[in-house]
């Protein structure tokens, strides 16, 4: 009887394995997704965008809540001028991580590529509202304003970008232990 129980246990393990109900791979779905992303970043050349898309898609299938996979795949689609798919992926990234300003900037770039300047401006503005005060954001928004004929707003953004660049340059050239002028 003991031999029969042992054989049944072995048979049960084999059946479960064949049905895919268990796996020898103990990695979490997120770890699998991260592995696919790392593979895409390391093992494919810049020109092999289709292979990267394939690996990012596998990462998304492994963990549909992993924003980096959608973000990177959106960048690939954007490079291929497949703006609809790029926009779909960036919308998913924002759904998964709505507090990250860079995602709104990236989606703004997609809208600008599509010549949808009103949405581009809205996303660049959201980027700024979320705290990413970078000259490039102001420059991109200025280009979008210029494209729709709002030259005054474009000029104001260009001036803000110059101001931010000057501040960065001053900070970069200031010795770390130098007192501020206000002290």
Protein backbone atom coordinates (compact mmCIF):
# COMPACT_ATOMS: atom_id res chain seq x y z
CA UNK A 1 0.00 0.00 0.00
CA UNK A 2 2.84 2.43 0.82
CA UNK A 3 4.37 1.79 -2.60
CA UNK A 4 1.00 2.58 -4.23
CA UNK A 5 0.76 5.91 -2.29
CA UNK A 6 4.29 6.84 -3.36
CA UNK A 7 3.52 6.06 -7.01
CA UNK A 8 0.33 8.13 -6.82
CA UNK A 9 2.28 11.06 -5.36
CA UNK A 10 4.83 10.87 -8.17
CA UNK A 11 2.06 10.62 -10.74
CA UNK A 12 0.26 13.62 -9.22
CA UNK A 13 3.43 15.72 -9.38
CA UNK A 14 3.94 14.76 -13.02
CA UNK A 15 0.35 15.58 -13.94
CA UNK A 16 0.50 18.95 -12.18
CA UNK A 17 3.78 19.79 -13.93
CA UNK A 18 2.36 18.76 -17.31
CA UNK A 19 -0.71 20.93 -16.78
CA UNK A 20 1.50 23.89 -15.96
CA UNK A 21 0.08 24.26 -12.48
CA UNK A 22 3.54 24.42 -10.99
CA UNK A 23 6.88 25.51 -12.23
CA UNK A 24 10.48 24.91 -11.36
CA UNK A 25 11.00 28.64 -11.89
CA UNK A 26 10.62 30.19 -8.43
CA UNK A 27 11.06 33.77 -9.62
CA UNK A 28 8.19 36.16 -9.07
CA UNK A 29 6.35 37.62 -12.04
CA UNK A 30 8.10 40.96 -11.38
CA UNK A 31 11.51 39.27 -11.39
CA UNK A 32 10.71 37.59 -14.69
CA UNK A 33 9.57 40.91 -16.14
CA UNK A 34 12.72 42.64 -14.88
CA UNK A 35 14.83 39.90 -16.47
CA UNK A 36 13.16 40.45 -19.86
CA UNK A 37 13.71 44.20 -19.56
CA UNK A 38 17.37 43.72 -18.65
CA UNK A 39 17.79 41.34 -21.57
CA UNK A 40 16.32 43.95 -23.91
CA UNK A 41 18.58 46.65 -22.53
CA UNK A 42 21.75 44.54 -22.62
CA UNK A 43 21.48 41.96 -25.36
CA UNK A 44 19.96 43.79 -28.28
CA UNK A 45 21.52 46.46 -30.43
CA UNK A 46 20.04 49.90 -30.90
CA UNK A 47 18.91 48.96 -34.41
CA UNK A 48 16.99 45.86 -33.30
CA UNK A 49 13.88 47.65 -32.06
CA UNK A 50 11.54 44.78 -32.98
CA UNK A 51 13.49 42.41 -30.71
CA UNK A 52 13.32 44.96 -27.89
CA UNK A 53 9.56 45.31 -28.38
CA UNK A 54 9.23 41.52 -28.23
CA UNK A 55 11.16 41.35 -24.94
CA UNK A 56 9.20 44.25 -23.41
CA UNK A 57 5.97 42.53 -24.46
CA UNK A 58 7.13 39.35 -22.69
CA UNK A 59 7.88 41.44 -19.60
CA UNK A 60 4.37 42.90 -19.72
CA UNK A 61 2.84 39.43 -20.06
CA UNK A 62 4.89 38.27 -17.05
CA UNK A 63 3.82 41.29 -14.97
CA UNK A 64 1.15 43.59 -16.42
CA UNK A 65 1.70 46.03 -13.52
CA UNK A 66 5.38 46.74 -14.34
CA UNK A 67 5.47 50.35 -15.63
CA UNK A 68 9.08 50.24 -16.88
CA UNK A 69 8.21 47.63 -19.51
CA UNK A 70 5.38 49.76 -20.92
CA UNK A 71 7.58 52.88 -20.76
CA UNK A 72 10.44 51.30 -22.66
CA UNK A 73 8.15 49.70 -25.22
CA UNK A 74 6.47 53.08 -25.76
CA UNK A 75 9.90 54.55 -26.52
CA UNK A 76 10.45 51.86 -29.14
CA UNK A 77 7.06 52.47 -30.72
CA UNK A 78 7.78 56.19 -30.73
CA UNK A 79 11.09 55.57 -32.55
CA UNK A 80 9.13 53.64 -35.19
CA UNK A 81 6.62 56.52 -35.47
CA UNK A 82 3.89 54.16 -34.29
CA UNK A 83 2.35 56.86 -32.15
CA UNK A 84 -0.94 55.11 -31.42
CA UNK A 85 0.79 52.17 -29.74
CA UNK A 86 3.29 54.48 -28.04
CA UNK A 87 0.42 56.53 -26.65
CA UNK A 88 -1.42 53.40 -25.46
CA UNK A 89 1.66 52.28 -23.55
CA UNK A 90 2.31 55.72 -22.03
CA UNK A 91 -1.31 55.93 -20.91
CA UNK A 92 -0.82 52.59 -19.14
CA UNK A 93 2.42 53.84 -17.54
CA UNK A 94 0.59 56.90 -16.22
CA UNK A 95 -2.27 54.74 -14.96
CA UNK A 96 0.24 52.62 -13.04
CA UNK A 97 2.37 55.52 -11.78
CA UNK A 98 0.47 58.82 -12.01
CA UNK A 99 2.81 60.73 -9.67
CA UNK A 100 5.89 60.47 -11.91
CA UNK A 101 6.32 63.71 -13.89
CA UNK A 102 8.68 62.21 -16.47
CA UNK A 103 5.88 60.01 -17.79
CA UNK A 104 3.77 63.07 -18.60
CA UNK A 105 6.77 64.64 -20.34
CA UNK A 106 7.25 61.51 -22.46
CA UNK A 107 3.56 61.41 -23.36
CA UNK A 108 3.76 65.11 -24.23
CA UNK A 109 6.55 64.30 -26.68
CA UNK A 110 4.37 61.66 -28.30
CA UNK A 111 1.52 64.13 -28.64
CA UNK A 112 3.91 66.71 -30.11
CA UNK A 113 5.12 64.11 -32.64
CA UNK A 114 1.48 63.58 -33.59
CA UNK A 115 1.09 67.37 -33.91
CA UNK A 116 -1.53 67.28 -31.14
CA UNK A 117 -0.11 70.39 -29.52
CA UNK A 118 -2.95 71.08 -27.09
CA UNK A 119 -2.46 67.70 -25.42
CA UNK A 120 1.32 68.11 -25.58
CA UNK A 121 1.03 71.45 -23.76
CA UNK A 122 -1.29 69.91 -21.17
CA UNK A 123 1.19 67.12 -20.47
CA UNK A 124 4.21 69.44 -20.35
CA UNK A 125 2.25 71.64 -17.93
CA UNK A 126 1.40 68.59 -15.80
CA UNK A 127 5.11 67.69 -15.78
CA UNK A 128 5.91 71.11 -14.37
CA UNK A 129 3.02 70.96 -11.88
CA UNK A 130 4.35 67.65 -10.56
CA UNK A 131 7.67 69.35 -9.79
CA UNK A 132 9.99 68.58 -12.71
CA UNK A 133 11.34 72.08 -13.29
CA UNK A 134 13.77 71.42 -16.12
CA UNK A 135 14.71 73.71 -19.01
CA UNK A 136 13.89 71.01 -21.56
CA UNK A 137 10.27 70.87 -20.39
CA UNK A 138 9.90 74.62 -20.90
CA UNK A 139 11.63 74.42 -24.30
CA UNK A 140 9.33 71.64 -25.49
CA UNK A 141 6.26 73.46 -24.27
CA UNK A 142 7.52 76.64 -26.00
CA UNK A 143 7.75 74.73 -29.30
CA UNK A 144 4.19 73.47 -28.85
CA UNK A 145 2.93 76.97 -28.03
CA UNK A 146 4.75 78.29 -31.11
CA UNK A 147 3.12 75.62 -33.28
CA UNK A 148 -0.35 76.83 -32.32
CA UNK A 149 0.53 80.51 -32.62
CA UNK A 150 0.78 81.39 -28.93
CA UNK A 151 4.07 83.24 -29.35
CA UNK A 152 3.87 85.22 -26.09
CA UNK A 153 3.56 82.01 -24.06
CA UNK A 154 6.33 80.42 -26.15
CA UNK A 155 8.64 83.36 -25.43
CA UNK A 156 7.89 83.23 -21.70
CA UNK A 157 8.78 79.52 -21.63
CA UNK A 158 12.02 80.13 -23.55
CA UNK A 159 12.99 82.83 -21.05
CA UNK A 160 12.24 80.47 -18.15
CA UNK A 161 14.39 77.75 -19.78
CA UNK A 162 17.30 80.21 -20.10
CA UNK A 163 16.87 81.26 -16.47
CA UNK A 164 16.93 77.64 -15.28
CA UNK A 165 20.01 76.87 -17.38
CA UNK A 166 21.83 79.87 -15.88
CA UNK A 167 20.96 78.72 -12.36
CA UNK A 168 22.27 75.21 -13.14
CA UNK A 169 25.50 76.64 -14.56
CA UNK A 170 26.02 78.82 -11.48
CA UNK A 171 25.43 75.85 -9.20
CA UNK A 172 27.83 73.71 -11.21
CA UNK A 173 30.65 76.27 -11.02
CA UNK A 174 30.13 77.20 -7.36
CA UNK A 175 32.49 75.37 -4.98
CA UNK A 176 30.68 72.95 -2.69
CA UNK A 177 31.79 74.72 0.49
CA UNK A 178 31.26 78.31 -0.72
CA UNK A 179 28.69 80.33 1.24
CA UNK A 180 25.61 81.64 -0.51
CA UNK A 181 25.59 85.34 -1.41
CA UNK A 182 22.72 85.87 1.04
CA UNK A 183 24.74 84.72 4.05
